[in-house]
PDB file of N, CA and C in Angstrom:
ATOM      1  N   UNK A   1       0.849  -1.198  -0.119  1.00  0.00           N
ATOM      2  CA  UNK A   1       0.105  -0.105  -0.045  1.00  0.00           C
ATOM      3  C   UNK A   1       0.971   1.191  -0.021  1.00  0.00           C
ATOM      4  N   UNK A   2       0.530   2.152  -0.779  1.00  0.00           N
ATOM      5  CA  UNK A   2       1.172   3.473  -1.004  1.00  0.00           C
ATOM      6  C   UNK A   2       0.438   4.522  -0.179  1.00  0.00           C
ATOM      7  N   UNK A   3       1.022   5.256   0.568  1.00  0.00           N
ATOM      8  CA  UNK A   3       0.330   6.396   1.339  1.00  0.00           C
ATOM      9  C   UNK A   3       0.973   7.721   1.010  1.00  0.00           C
ATOM     10  N   UNK A   4       0.197   8.767   0.496  1.00  0.00           N
ATOM     11  CA  UNK A   4       0.637   9.977   0.247  1.00  0.00           C
ATOM     12  C   UNK A   4       0.285  10.850   1.543  1.00  0.00           C
ATOM     13  N   UNK A   5       1.487  11.151   2.259  1.00  0.00           N
ATOM     14  CA  UNK A   5       1.244  12.102   3.410  1.00  0.00           C
ATOM     15  C   UNK A   5       1.324  13.570   2.952  1.00  0.00           C
ATOM     16  N   UNK A   6       0.206  14.250   3.013  1.00  0.00           N
ATOM     17  CA  UNK A   6       0.156  15.669   2.528  1.00  0.00           C
ATOM     18  C   UNK A   6       0.007  16.584   3.597  1.00  0.00           C
ATOM     19  N   UNK A   7       0.523  17.846   3.369  1.00  0.00           N
ATOM     20  CA  UNK A   7       0.468  18.823   4.590  1.00  0.00           C
ATOM     21  C   UNK A   7       0.352  20.165   3.853  1.00  0.00           C
ATOM     22  N   UNK A   8      -0.382  21.100   4.557  1.00  0.00           N
ATOM     23  CA  UNK A   8      -0.441  22.519   4.129  1.00  0.00           C
ATOM     24  C   UNK A   8       0.748  23.240   4.705  1.00  0.00           C
ATOM     25  N   UNK A   9       1.507  23.990   3.892  1.00  0.00           N
ATOM     26  CA  UNK A   9       2.783  24.633   4.286  1.00  0.00           C
ATOM     27  C   UNK A   9       2.714  26.068   4.088  1.00  0.00           C
ATOM     28  N   UNK A  10       3.513  26.833   4.698  1.00  0.00           N
ATOM     29  CA  UNK A  10       3.532  28.366   4.212  1.00  0.00           C
ATOM     30  C   UNK A  10       2.246  29.130   4.728  1.00  0.00           C
ATOM     31  N   UNK A  11       1.629  28.702   5.690  1.00  0.00           N
ATOM     32  CA  UNK A  11       0.551  29.287   6.385  1.00  0.00           C
ATOM     33  C   UNK A  11       0.753  30.615   7.285  1.00  0.00           C
ATOM     34  N   UNK A  12       2.103  30.609   7.628  1.00  0.00           N
ATOM     35  CA  UNK A  12       2.447  31.750   8.517  1.00  0.00           C
ATOM     36  C   UNK A  12       2.917  32.932   7.699  1.00  0.00           C
ATOM     37  N   UNK A  13       2.895  34.055   8.434  1.00  0.00           N
ATOM     38  CA  UNK A  13       3.268  35.286   7.658  1.00  0.00           C
ATOM     39  C   UNK A  13       3.890  36.195   8.919  1.00  0.00           C
ATOM     40  N   UNK A  14       5.256  36.513   8.523  1.00  0.00           N
ATOM     41  CA  UNK A  14       5.766  37.446   9.586  1.00  0.00           C
ATOM     42  C   UNK A  14       5.824  36.909  11.081  1.00  0.00           C
ATOM     43  N   UNK A  15       5.203  37.627  11.873  1.00  0.00           N
ATOM     44  CA  UNK A  15       5.238  37.170  13.386  1.00  0.00           C
ATOM     45  C   UNK A  15       4.250  36.034  13.503  1.00  0.00           C
ATOM     46  N   UNK A  16       3.398  35.820  12.678  1.00  0.00           N
ATOM     47  CA  UNK A  16       2.188  34.718  12.763  1.00  0.00           C
ATOM     48  C   UNK A  16       2.711  33.450  12.320  1.00  0.00           C
ATOM     49  N   UNK A  17       3.579  32.671  13.061  1.00  0.00           N
ATOM     50  CA  UNK A  17       4.061  31.510  12.595  1.00  0.00           C
ATOM     51  C   UNK A  17       3.113  30.401  12.811  1.00  0.00           C
ATOM     52  N   UNK A  18       3.031  29.374  11.821  1.00  0.00           N
ATOM     53  CA  UNK A  18       2.034  28.361  12.007  1.00  0.00           C
ATOM     54  C   UNK A  18       2.723  27.005  11.719  1.00  0.00           C
ATOM     55  N   UNK A  19       3.440  26.444  12.721  1.00  0.00           N
ATOM     56  CA  UNK A  19       4.073  25.140  12.423  1.00  0.00           C
ATOM     57  C   UNK A  19       5.464  25.325  12.042  1.00  0.00           C
ATOM     58  N   UNK A  20       6.095  24.108  11.949  1.00  0.00           N
ATOM     59  CA  UNK A  20       7.571  24.142  11.593  1.00  0.00           C
ATOM     60  C   UNK A  20       7.591  23.554  10.188  1.00  0.00           C
ATOM     61  N   UNK A  21       7.437  24.220   9.168  1.00  0.00           N
ATOM     62  CA  UNK A  21       7.489  23.782   7.670  1.00  0.00           C
ATOM     63  C   UNK A  21       8.774  23.138   7.437  1.00  0.00           C
ATOM     64  N   UNK A  22       9.886  23.265   7.872  1.00  0.00           N
ATOM     65  CA  UNK A  22      11.167  22.687   7.559  1.00  0.00           C
ATOM     66  C   UNK A  22      11.020  21.289   8.126  1.00  0.00           C
ATOM     67  N   UNK A  23      10.582  21.174   9.366  1.00  0.00           N
ATOM     68  CA  UNK A  23      10.621  19.786   9.995  1.00  0.00           C
ATOM     69  C   UNK A  23       9.414  18.969   9.142  1.00  0.00           C
ATOM     70  N   UNK A  24       8.332  19.557   8.741  1.00  0.00           N
ATOM     71  CA  UNK A  24       7.265  18.728   7.908  1.00  0.00           C
ATOM     72  C   UNK A  24       7.809  18.355   6.593  1.00  0.00           C
ATOM     73  N   UNK A  25       8.578  19.115   6.056  1.00  0.00           N
ATOM     74  CA  UNK A  25       9.266  18.715   4.649  1.00  0.00           C
ATOM     75  C   UNK A  25      10.038  17.464   4.723  1.00  0.00           C
ATOM     76  N   UNK A  26      10.520  17.070   5.879  1.00  0.00           N
ATOM     77  CA  UNK A  26      11.368  15.955   6.088  1.00  0.00           C
ATOM     78  C   UNK A  26      10.442  14.605   6.103  1.00  0.00           C
ATOM     79  N   UNK A  27       9.040  14.865   6.495  1.00  0.00           N
ATOM     80  CA  UNK A  27       8.218  13.544   6.489  1.00  0.00           C
ATOM     81  C   UNK A  27       7.112  13.509   5.579  1.00  0.00           C
ATOM     82  N   UNK A  28       6.729  14.622   4.960  1.00  0.00           N
ATOM     83  CA  UNK A  28       5.520  14.569   4.023  1.00  0.00           C
ATOM     84  C   UNK A  28       6.064  14.200   2.725  1.00  0.00           C
ATOM     85  N   UNK A  29       5.087  13.584   1.744  1.00  0.00           N
ATOM     86  CA  UNK A  29       5.538  13.133   0.618  1.00  0.00           C
ATOM     87  C   UNK A  29       4.957  14.171  -0.556  1.00  0.00           C
ATOM     88  N   UNK A  30       4.058  15.096  -0.102  1.00  0.00           N
ATOM     89  CA  UNK A  30       3.522  16.172  -0.982  1.00  0.00           C
ATOM     90  C   UNK A  30       3.077  17.233  -0.150  1.00  0.00           C
ATOM     91  N   UNK A  31       3.002  18.311  -0.662  1.00  0.00           N
ATOM     92  CA  UNK A  31       2.669  19.587   0.212  1.00  0.00           C
ATOM     93  C   UNK A  31       1.843  20.681  -0.670  1.00  0.00           C
ATOM     94  N   UNK A  32       0.794  21.321   0.075  1.00  0.00           N
ATOM     95  CA  UNK A  32       0.127  22.311  -0.486  1.00  0.00           C
ATOM     96  C   UNK A  32       0.867  23.576   0.032  1.00  0.00           C
ATOM     97  N   UNK A  33       1.286  24.407  -0.842  1.00  0.00           N
ATOM     98  CA  UNK A  33       2.009  25.773  -0.279  1.00  0.00           C
ATOM     99  C   UNK A  33       1.152  26.908  -0.534  1.00  0.00           C
ATOM    100  N   UNK A  34       0.990  27.645   0.595  1.00  0.00           N
ATOM    101  CA  UNK A  34       0.192  28.857   0.526  1.00  0.00           C
ATOM    102  C   UNK A  34       0.833  29.941  -0.491  1.00  0.00           C
ATOM    103  N   UNK A  35      -0.015  30.564  -1.199  1.00  0.00           N
ATOM    104  CA  UNK A  35       0.441  31.624  -2.092  1.00  0.00           C
ATOM    105  C   UNK A  35       0.122  33.036  -1.776  1.00  0.00           C
ATOM    106  N   UNK A  36      -0.309  33.309  -0.520  1.00  0.00           N
ATOM    107  CA  UNK A  36      -0.498  34.705  -0.133  1.00  0.00           C
ATOM    108  C   UNK A  36      -1.934  35.122  -0.086  1.00  0.00           C
ATOM    109  N   UNK A  37      -2.895  34.378  -0.759  1.00  0.00           N
ATOM    110  CA  UNK A  37      -4.280  34.713  -0.680  1.00  0.00           C
ATOM    111  C   UNK A  37      -5.119  33.350  -0.789  1.00  0.00           C
ATOM    112  N   UNK A  38      -6.378  33.600  -0.282  1.00  0.00           N
ATOM    113  CA  UNK A  38      -7.264  32.380  -0.434  1.00  0.00           C
ATOM    114  C   UNK A  38      -7.903  32.556  -1.852  1.00  0.00           C
ATOM    115  N   UNK A  39      -8.224  31.558  -2.513  1.00  0.00           N
ATOM    116  CA  UNK A  39      -8.806  31.657  -3.810  1.00  0.00           C
ATOM    117  C   UNK A  39     -10.155  32.242  -3.906  1.00  0.00           C
ATOM    118  N   UNK A  40     -10.802  32.247  -2.850  1.00  0.00           N
ATOM    119  CA  UNK A  40     -12.237  33.020  -2.838  1.00  0.00           C
ATOM    120  C   UNK A  40     -12.089  34.515  -2.630  1.00  0.00           C
ATOM    121  N   UNK A  41     -10.767  34.968  -2.255  1.00  0.00           N
ATOM    122  CA  UNK A  41     -10.716  36.515  -1.926  1.00  0.00           C
ATOM    123  C   UNK A  41     -10.498  37.255  -3.179  1.00  0.00           C
ATOM    124  N   UNK A  42     -11.142  38.158  -3.492  1.00  0.00           N
ATOM    125  CA  UNK A  42     -11.095  38.936  -4.788  1.00  0.00           C
ATOM    126  C   UNK A  42     -10.097  39.985  -4.602  1.00  0.00           C
ATOM    127  N   UNK A  43      -9.399  40.350  -5.688  1.00  0.00           N
ATOM    128  CA  UNK A  43      -8.474  41.326  -5.665  1.00  0.00           C
ATOM    129  C   UNK A  43      -9.018  42.737  -5.550  1.00  0.00           C
ATOM    130  N   UNK A  44     -10.193  42.948  -6.079  1.00  0.00           N
ATOM    131  CA  UNK A  44     -10.846  44.112  -6.004  1.00  0.00           C
ATOM    132  C   UNK A  44     -11.738  44.116  -4.554  1.00  0.00           C
ATOM    133  N   UNK A  45     -12.011  45.320  -3.856  1.00  0.00           N
ATOM    134  CA  UNK A  45     -12.930  45.074  -2.895  1.00  0.00           C
ATOM    135  C   UNK A  45     -14.278  44.832  -3.282  1.00  0.00           C
ATOM    136  N   UNK A  46     -15.187  44.106  -2.447  1.00  0.00           N
ATOM    137  CA  UNK A  46     -16.579  43.654  -2.861  1.00  0.00           C
ATOM    138  C   UNK A  46     -17.192  44.739  -3.513  1.00  0.00           C
ATOM    139  N   UNK A  47     -17.269  45.913  -3.086  1.00  0.00           N
ATOM    140  CA  UNK A  47     -18.164  46.826  -3.624  1.00  0.00           C
ATOM    141  C   UNK A  47     -17.811  47.187  -5.158  1.00  0.00           C
ATOM    142  N   UNK A  48     -16.486  46.912  -5.463  1.00  0.00           N
ATOM    143  CA  UNK A  48     -16.020  47.218  -6.829  1.00  0.00           C
ATOM    144  C   UNK A  48     -16.328  46.035  -7.676  1.00  0.00           C
ATOM    145  N   UNK A  49     -16.425  44.893  -7.149  1.00  0.00           N
ATOM    146  CA  UNK A  49     -16.519  43.648  -8.065  1.00  0.00           C
ATOM    147  C   UNK A  49     -17.906  43.576  -8.703  1.00  0.00           C
ATOM    148  N   UNK A  50     -17.941  42.906  -9.956  1.00  0.00           N
ATOM    149  CA  UNK A  50     -19.137  42.958 -10.531  1.00  0.00           C
ATOM    150  C   UNK A  50     -19.085  42.804 -11.989  1.00  0.00           C
TER     151      UNK A  50
END
């Protein structure tokens, strides 16, 4: 049996650290890396979108 151990990484920002990404990279076989925004967050403010 093959198991893919996946983890979310890069969730911290500046002083808001969220876990030890370097340590997790030693044990996971794949990772989801945060890109700075959530997919559902519009670049434009809500009032301007449409």
